[in-house]
């Protein structure tokens, strides 16, 4: 448990149930406040902040659903768990649609209660982080930094997509900002007030993919101790962002296609489907058309996802955007560390401009954050940069370069052209992946992380 206990508000009109819940959650290390009615709970919420509200469903007067609605409208960063003895699929989905993070059906064990509360707290923390990002993403650019022709074209496509309800496929190398573009579409459109749910599809184990996306009912399989809504239900009325969609297992591709076509999902173990209103935005750093040709991705799903297409350019093709982005990250991380943003010298800027950035904007952000943390001087010079970028600064000396410098420049250029994929870069260079790793270790002056 954290050093400062997370604050929970438990609401139930039955004194015995309220006492048991409060005692159990206090034993888990939480700071628990109890309320016997919705009206009392609202007064408690006005008096002080809470991390999570755990409420019974059926109570005299205002119900638990009324309290969920109040919390979502006034305290969007607070987690909510709905507890009821009148469990049903429809009730679970309704609670999640209204804004509950979790749904717990009676009877339940202490372990089930604790696990449910923990998941809801994690969901609330993720929502607060997303809210901070959304509040920082203001103006017509919605956080998209850069004035190059390539990015002006991207902004125009984002604005067009925001006015539509069609599915969007965002492509680009790793680190180019595909999720940021998806958030810009969501927060610029009619669904901005609803949920934006981001899911890394490739990170979900194949046996769990269906239950994670569509949810499951209690008893659907071993370990299904409660009814849980999936990502589709959580995003109902809003946007579901499916990242790395190219890594989706073949069996799930068919189920996703069905959900997109029918606009409904069937929870694992349920007999009937549930209607959902979800705008799907997907992203990939793979060439889906090539995967379709190989039979690794369904052609009908590809066309269903690719109604509107947005391709994000790699950082190396964005010209002087590198300077604007570097300034943006310097101000951001300096503010987080309570200092004035340092200034990049001409030599440092030249090194940034010449670097090929295989990790794209993400690599630049990580570099700037490290520089802000590690340097205390008001200026950052080329000598303060990692060896890989110091090489980039030296590479502008024309023909007076060593063979090692020329080789290093070529290796980095090929790696960038391969989108950072070392296996593909090694094939182009005619060497094995281990040899490429050794070369990169020498160039970068650090350990090879594969």
Protein backbone atom coordinates (compact mmCIF):
# COMPACT_ATOMS: atom_id res chain seq x y z
CA UNK A 1 0.00 0.00 0.00
CA UNK A 2 1.21 3.59 -0.59
CA UNK A 3 2.64 5.71 2.27
CA UNK A 4 -0.50 7.88 2.20
CA UNK A 5 -3.52 5.54 2.27
CA UNK A 6 -5.95 5.92 -0.60
CA UNK A 7 -9.29 7.33 0.57
CA UNK A 8 -12.42 5.26 -0.01
CA UNK A 9 -16.05 6.25 0.48
CA UNK A 10 -18.28 3.21 1.14
CA UNK A 11 -22.05 3.69 0.70
CA UNK A 12 -24.68 1.14 1.81
CA UNK A 13 -28.01 1.53 3.58
CA UNK A 14 -27.59 -1.75 5.50
CA UNK A 15 -25.60 -1.14 8.71
CA UNK A 16 -24.17 -4.67 8.86
CA UNK A 17 -22.99 -4.62 5.24
CA UNK A 18 -21.52 -1.14 5.74
CA UNK A 19 -19.61 -2.24 8.81
CA UNK A 20 -18.23 -5.38 7.14
CA UNK A 21 -17.13 -3.49 4.01
CA UNK A 22 -15.52 -0.72 6.05
CA UNK A 23 -13.71 -3.17 8.34
CA UNK A 24 -12.44 -5.31 5.45
CA UNK A 25 -11.15 -2.37 3.39
CA UNK A 26 -9.57 -0.72 6.45
CA UNK A 27 -7.71 -3.98 7.08
CA UNK A 28 -6.43 -3.76 3.50
CA UNK A 29 -4.77 -0.45 4.35
CA UNK A 30 -7.29 2.04 2.97
CA UNK A 31 -8.64 5.13 4.74
CA UNK A 32 -12.39 4.40 4.76
CA UNK A 33 -15.32 6.75 5.30
CA UNK A 34 -18.82 5.26 5.42
CA UNK A 35 -22.19 6.71 4.40
CA UNK A 36 -25.66 5.20 4.86
CA UNK A 37 -27.34 7.02 1.97
CA UNK A 38 -26.62 8.77 -1.31
CA UNK A 39 -27.44 12.16 0.20
CA UNK A 40 -24.94 11.55 3.02
CA UNK A 41 -22.36 10.37 0.47
CA UNK A 42 -22.76 13.54 -1.61
CA UNK A 43 -22.11 15.67 1.48
CA UNK A 44 -19.00 13.61 2.23
CA UNK A 45 -17.76 14.07 -1.34
CA UNK A 46 -18.22 17.83 -1.02
CA UNK A 47 -16.27 17.89 2.24
CA UNK A 48 -13.13 16.17 1.05
CA UNK A 49 -11.46 14.36 -1.85
CA UNK A 50 -11.81 10.59 -2.28
CA UNK A 51 -9.91 8.26 -4.57
CA UNK A 52 -12.81 5.83 -4.94
CA UNK A 53 -16.51 5.45 -4.16
CA UNK A 54 -17.87 1.95 -3.50
CA UNK A 55 -21.67 2.03 -3.52
CA UNK A 56 -24.55 -0.39 -3.18
CA UNK A 57 -27.01 -0.42 -6.07
CA UNK A 58 -30.45 -0.55 -4.44
CA UNK A 59 -31.06 1.94 -1.62
CA UNK A 60 -34.12 3.87 -0.46
CA UNK A 61 -34.54 7.19 -2.25
CA UNK A 62 -31.64 7.93 -4.59
CA UNK A 63 -29.95 4.77 -5.90
CA UNK A 64 -26.38 3.79 -6.47
CA UNK A 65 -26.83 4.63 -10.15
CA UNK A 66 -27.71 8.20 -9.14
CA UNK A 67 -24.50 8.39 -7.13
CA UNK A 68 -22.44 7.05 -10.04
CA UNK A 69 -23.95 9.72 -12.26
CA UNK A 70 -23.17 12.43 -9.68
CA UNK A 71 -19.54 11.30 -9.34
CA UNK A 72 -18.97 11.11 -13.08
CA UNK A 73 -20.47 14.54 -13.72
CA UNK A 74 -18.64 16.29 -10.88
CA UNK A 75 -15.58 14.17 -9.97
CA UNK A 76 -14.34 12.48 -13.16
CA UNK A 77 -11.03 11.49 -11.57
CA UNK A 78 -12.66 9.49 -8.78
CA UNK A 79 -13.00 5.72 -9.17
CA UNK A 80 -16.39 4.01 -8.77
CA UNK A 81 -17.33 0.42 -7.89
CA UNK A 82 -20.99 -0.66 -8.05
CA UNK A 83 -21.98 -3.45 -5.63
CA UNK A 84 -25.31 -5.24 -6.01
CA UNK A 85 -27.12 -8.40 -5.08
CA UNK A 86 -29.28 -8.08 -8.17
CA UNK A 87 -26.54 -8.91 -10.65
CA UNK A 88 -27.27 -9.28 -14.33
CA UNK A 89 -25.43 -8.76 -17.58
CA UNK A 90 -27.62 -5.79 -18.39
CA UNK A 91 -27.04 -4.25 -14.97
CA UNK A 92 -23.27 -4.69 -15.23
CA UNK A 93 -23.14 -3.10 -18.67
CA UNK A 94 -25.47 -0.26 -17.57
CA UNK A 95 -23.24 0.53 -14.59
CA UNK A 96 -20.11 0.61 -16.74
CA UNK A 97 -21.87 2.72 -19.39
CA UNK A 98 -22.88 5.20 -16.73
CA UNK A 99 -19.28 5.46 -15.55
CA UNK A 100 -18.55 2.75 -13.00
CA UNK A 101 -15.01 1.42 -13.25
CA UNK A 102 -15.94 -1.97 -11.81
CA UNK A 103 -19.05 -4.01 -11.00
CA UNK A 104 -19.09 -6.46 -8.09
CA UNK A 105 -22.00 -8.90 -7.66
CA UNK A 106 -22.90 -10.36 -4.25
CA UNK A 107 -21.89 -12.67 -2.72
CA UNK A 108 -18.14 -12.01 -2.99
CA UNK A 109 -15.05 -12.90 -1.00
CA UNK A 110 -12.65 -10.49 0.69
CA UNK A 111 -10.05 -11.27 -2.00
CA UNK A 112 -12.56 -10.50 -4.77
CA UNK A 113 -13.45 -7.22 -3.08
CA UNK A 114 -9.83 -6.17 -2.66
CA UNK A 115 -8.96 -7.09 -6.26
CA UNK A 116 -11.98 -5.19 -7.57
CA UNK A 117 -11.10 -2.05 -5.60
CA UNK A 118 -7.49 -2.20 -6.76
CA UNK A 119 -8.52 -2.45 -10.42
CA UNK A 120 -10.91 0.47 -10.04
CA UNK A 121 -8.22 2.61 -8.38
CA UNK A 122 -5.81 1.80 -11.21
CA UNK A 123 -8.46 2.68 -13.79
CA UNK A 124 -9.13 5.99 -12.05
CA UNK A 125 -5.42 6.80 -11.94
CA UNK A 126 -5.14 6.10 -15.67
CA UNK A 127 -8.17 8.32 -16.32
CA UNK A 128 -6.64 11.18 -14.34
CA UNK A 129 -3.42 10.85 -16.34
CA UNK A 130 -5.41 10.94 -19.57
CA UNK A 131 -7.30 13.97 -18.29
CA UNK A 132 -4.01 15.81 -17.62
CA UNK A 133 -2.93 15.04 -21.17
CA UNK A 134 -6.24 16.21 -22.57
CA UNK A 135 -6.10 19.47 -20.60
CA UNK A 136 -2.61 20.09 -21.93
CA UNK A 137 -3.78 19.35 -25.47
CA UNK A 138 -5.44 22.66 -26.24
CA UNK A 139 -6.05 24.76 -29.31
CA UNK A 140 -6.51 23.63 -32.89
CA UNK A 141 -3.26 21.63 -32.86
CA UNK A 142 -4.42 19.42 -29.96
CA UNK A 143 -0.81 18.82 -28.90
CA UNK A 144 0.51 18.12 -32.41
CA UNK A 145 3.76 20.13 -32.49
CA UNK A 146 5.47 21.16 -35.71
CA UNK A 147 4.82 23.40 -38.70
CA UNK A 148 6.41 21.35 -41.49
CA UNK A 149 4.42 20.65 -44.63
CA UNK A 150 4.14 17.00 -43.61
CA UNK A 151 2.57 17.89 -40.25
CA UNK A 152 0.27 20.50 -41.75
CA UNK A 153 -1.11 17.71 -43.94
CA UNK A 154 -1.51 15.48 -40.88
CA UNK A 155 -3.41 18.20 -39.02
CA UNK A 156 -5.78 18.63 -41.96
CA UNK A 157 -6.49 14.88 -41.96
CA UNK A 158 -7.07 14.90 -38.19
CA UNK A 159 -9.57 17.74 -38.50
CA UNK A 160 -11.38 15.89 -41.29
CA UNK A 161 -11.45 12.66 -39.27
CA UNK A 162 -12.76 14.52 -36.19
CA UNK A 163 -15.80 15.65 -38.17
CA UNK A 164 -16.57 12.06 -39.16
CA UNK A 165 -17.64 8.92 -37.30
CA UNK A 166 -15.80 6.54 -39.66
CA UNK A 167 -13.05 4.19 -38.51
CA UNK A 168 -9.52 5.57 -38.81
CA UNK A 169 -6.26 3.72 -39.43
CA UNK A 170 -3.14 5.58 -38.26
CA UNK A 171 0.16 4.26 -39.58
CA UNK A 172 3.76 5.25 -38.97
CA UNK A 173 7.00 4.10 -37.41
CA UNK A 174 7.25 3.48 -33.68
CA UNK A 175 7.48 6.71 -31.72
CA UNK A 176 5.86 9.00 -34.29
CA UNK A 177 2.89 9.83 -32.04
CA UNK A 178 0.06 7.61 -33.26
CA UNK A 179 -1.81 7.63 -29.94
CA UNK A 180 -1.44 11.42 -29.69
CA UNK A 181 -3.03 11.72 -33.14
CA UNK A 182 -5.87 9.40 -32.07
CA UNK A 183 -6.48 11.51 -28.96
CA UNK A 184 -6.50 14.66 -31.10
CA UNK A 185 -9.23 13.14 -33.27
CA UNK A 186 -11.28 12.14 -30.24
CA UNK A 187 -10.97 15.41 -28.31
CA UNK A 188 -11.66 17.49 -31.44
CA UNK A 189 -14.85 15.62 -32.28
CA UNK A 190 -18.38 15.19 -31.02
CA UNK A 191 -17.33 12.40 -28.61
CA UNK A 192 -14.82 14.54 -26.69
CA UNK A 193 -16.83 14.39 -23.45
CA UNK A 194 -17.02 10.57 -23.55
CA UNK A 195 -14.34 7.99 -22.77
CA UNK A 196 -11.15 7.51 -24.77
CA UNK A 197 -10.00 3.93 -24.11
CA UNK A 198 -6.53 2.95 -25.38
CA UNK A 199 -5.67 -0.75 -25.75
CA UNK A 200 -2.37 -2.29 -26.87
CA UNK A 201 -3.79 -5.23 -28.79
CA UNK A 202 -0.47 -7.01 -29.25
CA UNK A 203 0.12 -7.01 -25.47
CA UNK A 204 -3.04 -9.03 -24.71
CA UNK A 205 -2.36 -12.79 -24.52
CA UNK A 206 -4.38 -14.56 -27.21
CA UNK A 207 -6.45 -16.69 -24.76
CA UNK A 208 -7.59 -13.50 -22.98
CA UNK A 209 -8.19 -11.30 -26.03
CA UNK A 210 -11.92 -11.98 -26.40
CA UNK A 211 -12.76 -11.53 -22.72
CA UNK A 212 -10.66 -8.35 -22.48
CA UNK A 213 -12.27 -6.74 -25.52
CA UNK A 214 -15.87 -7.90 -25.04
CA UNK A 215 -16.05 -8.75 -21.32
CA UNK A 216 -17.35 -11.88 -19.63
CA UNK A 217 -20.10 -13.01 -17.28
CA UNK A 218 -19.58 -14.66 -13.96
CA UNK A 219 -18.89 -18.38 -14.32
CA UNK A 220 -18.04 -18.14 -18.04
CA UNK A 221 -14.71 -19.90 -17.41
CA UNK A 222 -12.46 -20.96 -14.56
CA UNK A 223 -11.50 -17.86 -12.63
CA UNK A 224 -14.45 -15.78 -13.85
CA UNK A 225 -15.62 -14.97 -10.34
CA UNK A 226 -17.52 -11.84 -11.33
CA UNK A 227 -19.12 -10.20 -14.34
CA UNK A 228 -16.74 -7.76 -16.02
CA UNK A 229 -17.35 -5.44 -18.94
CA UNK A 230 -14.75 -5.33 -21.70
CA UNK A 231 -13.00 -2.47 -23.46
CA UNK A 232 -15.85 -2.09 -25.96
CA UNK A 233 -18.40 -1.53 -23.19
CA UNK A 234 -16.02 0.83 -21.35
CA UNK A 235 -15.69 2.93 -24.51
CA UNK A 236 -19.43 2.97 -25.26
CA UNK A 237 -20.35 6.44 -26.50
CA UNK A 238 -16.68 7.30 -26.96
CA UNK A 239 -13.59 6.10 -28.78
CA UNK A 240 -11.73 2.78 -28.62
CA UNK A 241 -8.08 3.08 -29.72
CA UNK A 242 -6.61 -0.26 -30.81
CA UNK A 243 -2.84 0.14 -30.93
CA UNK A 244 -0.59 -2.36 -32.73
CA UNK A 245 -3.63 -3.85 -34.43
CA UNK A 246 -1.35 -5.71 -36.83
CA UNK A 247 -0.46 -8.07 -33.98
CA UNK A 248 -4.06 -9.16 -33.40
CA UNK A 249 -4.48 -12.98 -33.43
CA UNK A 250 -6.37 -14.32 -36.48
CA UNK A 251 -9.27 -15.63 -34.40
CA UNK A 252 -9.83 -12.23 -32.82
CA UNK A 253 -9.76 -10.51 -36.20
CA UNK A 254 -12.99 -12.26 -37.18
CA UNK A 255 -14.66 -11.29 -33.88
CA UNK A 256 -13.53 -7.68 -34.21
CA UNK A 257 -14.90 -7.55 -37.76
CA UNK A 258 -18.25 -8.85 -36.53
CA UNK A 259 -18.35 -6.22 -33.75
CA UNK A 260 -17.61 -3.42 -36.22
CA UNK A 261 -20.19 -4.65 -38.71
CA UNK A 262 -23.02 -5.34 -36.25
CA UNK A 263 -22.18 -2.61 -33.69
CA UNK A 264 -22.73 -5.11 -30.92
CA UNK A 265 -20.64 -7.45 -28.80
CA UNK A 266 -21.29 -10.69 -26.98
CA UNK A 267 -19.66 -11.11 -23.59
CA UNK A 268 -17.94 -14.45 -23.07
CA UNK A 269 -20.50 -16.80 -21.55
CA UNK A 270 -23.48 -14.60 -22.45
CA UNK A 271 -26.37 -15.75 -24.61
CA UNK A 272 -27.30 -12.41 -26.09
CA UNK A 273 -25.33 -9.61 -27.70
CA UNK A 274 -25.20 -6.04 -26.36
CA UNK A 275 -25.42 -2.97 -28.57
CA UNK A 276 -22.44 -0.58 -28.36
CA UNK A 277 -21.81 2.83 -29.85
CA UNK A 278 -18.03 2.94 -30.26
CA UNK A 279 -15.84 4.85 -32.68
CA UNK A 280 -12.78 2.69 -33.44
CA UNK A 281 -9.39 4.18 -34.25
CA UNK A 282 -6.59 1.69 -34.88
CA UNK A 283 -2.86 2.10 -35.34
CA UNK A 284 0.06 0.02 -36.53
CA UNK A 285 3.72 0.36 -37.46
CA UNK A 286 3.35 -2.59 -39.83
CA UNK A 287 2.26 -2.59 -43.46
CA UNK A 288 -1.21 -4.13 -43.18
CA UNK A 289 -1.55 -4.43 -46.96
CA UNK A 290 1.55 -6.64 -46.98
CA UNK A 291 0.17 -8.70 -44.10
CA UNK A 292 -3.06 -9.13 -46.08
CA UNK A 293 -1.05 -10.39 -49.04
CA UNK A 294 0.67 -12.93 -46.80
CA UNK A 295 -2.63 -14.09 -45.35
CA UNK A 296 -1.68 -12.85 -41.88
CA UNK A 297 -4.41 -10.20 -41.71
CA UNK A 298 -8.01 -10.40 -42.91
CA UNK A 299 -8.63 -8.37 -46.05
CA UNK A 300 -12.22 -7.54 -45.07
CA UNK A 301 -11.09 -6.28 -41.65
CA UNK A 302 -8.34 -4.23 -43.27
CA UNK A 303 -10.84 -2.37 -45.43
CA UNK A 304 -13.22 -1.98 -42.50
CA UNK A 305 -10.46 -0.35 -40.39
CA UNK A 306 -8.96 1.67 -43.23
CA UNK A 307 -11.94 3.89 -44.11
CA UNK A 308 -9.91 7.00 -43.25
CA UNK A 309 -6.11 6.71 -43.34
CA UNK A 310 -3.53 8.94 -41.65
CA UNK A 311 0.20 8.27 -42.07
CA UNK A 312 2.51 9.98 -39.61
CA UNK A 313 5.90 10.96 -41.04
CA UNK A 314 9.13 9.90 -39.31
CA UNK A 315 10.96 12.66 -37.46
CA UNK A 316 13.84 12.62 -39.97
CA UNK A 317 11.40 13.79 -42.68
CA UNK A 318 9.99 16.69 -40.65
CA UNK A 319 12.76 19.23 -41.23
CA UNK A 320 13.02 21.97 -38.65
CA UNK A 321 10.16 20.49 -36.59
CA UNK A 322 13.02 18.98 -34.59
CA UNK A 323 13.81 22.43 -33.13
CA UNK A 324 10.20 23.18 -32.22
CA UNK A 325 9.76 19.77 -30.64
CA UNK A 326 13.01 20.08 -28.69
CA UNK A 327 11.88 23.45 -27.32
CA UNK A 328 8.48 22.03 -26.43
CA UNK A 329 10.00 19.14 -24.46
CA UNK A 330 12.58 21.39 -22.80
CA UNK A 331 9.81 23.63 -21.44
CA UNK A 332 7.66 20.65 -20.41
CA UNK A 333 10.33 18.76 -18.48
CA UNK A 334 11.90 21.90 -16.99
CA UNK A 335 8.48 22.87 -15.61
CA UNK A 336 8.08 19.38 -14.10
CA UNK A 337 11.47 19.72 -12.37
CA UNK A 338 10.91 23.29 -11.18
CA UNK A 339 13.68 24.92 -13.19
CA UNK A 340 14.10 27.33 -16.08
CA UNK A 341 14.34 25.54 -19.43
CA UNK A 342 17.97 25.30 -20.56
CA UNK A 343 18.98 26.64 -23.98
CA UNK A 344 20.43 24.46 -26.75
CA UNK A 345 23.55 25.87 -28.39
CA UNK A 346 24.01 26.02 -32.16
CA UNK A 347 26.25 22.96 -32.09
CA UNK A 348 23.68 21.01 -30.07
CA UNK A 349 20.88 22.02 -32.45
CA UNK A 350 23.01 21.00 -35.42
CA UNK A 351 23.57 17.59 -33.83
CA UNK A 352 19.83 17.12 -33.28
CA UNK A 353 19.12 18.13 -36.86
CA UNK A 354 21.63 15.67 -38.34
CA UNK A 355 20.64 12.68 -36.20
CA UNK A 356 18.43 10.14 -38.02
CA UNK A 357 16.15 9.46 -34.99
CA UNK A 358 15.22 5.78 -35.41
CA UNK A 359 13.03 6.14 -32.31
CA UNK A 360 11.37 9.29 -33.70
CA UNK A 361 9.61 11.77 -31.39
CA UNK A 362 9.64 9.34 -28.47
CA UNK A 363 13.43 9.10 -28.71
CA UNK A 364 13.72 12.91 -28.77
CA UNK A 365 11.42 13.29 -25.74
CA UNK A 366 13.43 10.74 -23.75
CA UNK A 367 16.69 12.47 -24.68
CA UNK A 368 15.44 15.93 -23.66
CA UNK A 369 14.08 14.60 -20.37
CA UNK A 370 17.46 13.03 -19.59
CA UNK A 371 19.27 16.28 -20.47
CA UNK A 372 16.99 18.36 -18.22
CA UNK A 373 17.59 15.96 -15.33
CA UNK A 374 21.32 15.46 -15.81
CA UNK A 375 22.52 18.97 -16.72
CA UNK A 376 22.41 21.95 -14.38
CA UNK A 377 23.89 24.60 -16.65
CA UNK A 378 21.64 27.11 -18.46
CA UNK A 379 23.04 25.92 -21.81
CA UNK A 380 23.25 22.46 -23.36
CA UNK A 381 26.11 22.06 -25.83
CA UNK A 382 26.97 19.23 -28.21
CA UNK A 383 29.45 17.92 -25.62
CA UNK A 384 26.53 17.28 -23.26
CA UNK A 385 24.79 15.01 -25.76
CA UNK A 386 25.18 11.20 -25.90
CA UNK A 387 28.05 9.95 -28.05
CA UNK A 388 25.67 8.94 -30.83
CA UNK A 389 24.54 12.55 -31.27
CA UNK A 390 28.05 13.95 -30.81
CA UNK A 391 28.96 11.88 -33.84
CA UNK A 392 26.11 13.54 -35.71
CA UNK A 393 27.56 16.95 -34.85
CA UNK A 394 30.99 15.93 -36.13
CA UNK A 395 29.66 14.35 -39.32
CA UNK A 396 29.12 17.74 -40.95
CA UNK A 397 32.86 18.18 -41.68
CA UNK A 398 32.53 17.27 -45.35
CA UNK A 399 34.88 14.70 -46.84
CA UNK A 400 37.39 14.87 -44.00
CA UNK A 401 35.89 11.93 -42.15
CA UNK A 402 37.27 8.61 -41.05
CA UNK A 403 36.08 5.32 -42.50
CA UNK A 404 34.49 4.51 -39.12
CA UNK A 405 32.46 7.74 -39.27
CA UNK A 406 31.25 7.02 -42.81
CA UNK A 407 30.29 3.46 -41.84
CA UNK A 408 28.50 4.65 -38.72
CA UNK A 409 26.51 7.20 -40.72
CA UNK A 410 25.49 4.53 -43.24
CA UNK A 411 24.52 2.03 -40.54
CA UNK A 412 22.35 4.59 -38.77
CA UNK A 413 20.72 5.69 -42.03
CA UNK A 414 19.82 2.10 -42.92
CA UNK A 415 18.49 1.48 -39.41
CA UNK A 416 16.32 4.59 -39.69
CA UNK A 417 15.07 3.53 -43.12
CA UNK A 418 14.09 0.19 -41.61
CA UNK A 419 12.00 1.97 -38.99
CA UNK A 420 14.36 0.95 -36.19
CA UNK A 421 13.91 -2.76 -37.00
CA UNK A 422 17.35 -4.25 -36.41
CA UNK A 423 16.57 -7.56 -38.10
CA UNK A 424 15.49 -5.81 -41.30
CA UNK A 425 18.45 -3.39 -41.15
CA UNK A 426 20.89 -6.28 -40.74
CA UNK A 427 19.42 -7.98 -43.82
CA UNK A 428 19.86 -4.80 -45.87
CA UNK A 429 23.45 -4.36 -44.67
CA UNK A 430 24.26 -8.00 -45.40
CA UNK A 431 25.29 -8.81 -41.83
CA UNK A 432 23.69 -10.77 -39.01
CA UNK A 433 21.76 -9.10 -36.21
CA UNK A 434 24.49 -9.76 -33.63
CA UNK A 435 27.10 -7.98 -35.76
CA UNK A 436 24.75 -5.04 -36.21
CA UNK A 437 24.29 -4.88 -32.43
CA UNK A 438 28.08 -4.80 -31.98
CA UNK A 439 28.42 -1.98 -34.50
CA UNK A 440 25.69 0.03 -32.82
CA UNK A 441 27.32 -0.51 -29.44
CA UNK A 442 30.56 0.95 -30.78
CA UNK A 443 28.76 3.87 -32.42
CA UNK A 444 26.67 4.71 -29.38
CA UNK A 445 29.43 4.09 -26.89
CA UNK A 446 27.11 2.09 -24.63
CA UNK A 447 25.66 -1.40 -24.05
CA UNK A 448 23.66 -3.12 -26.75
CA UNK A 449 20.11 -3.71 -25.57
CA UNK A 450 19.06 -5.78 -28.55
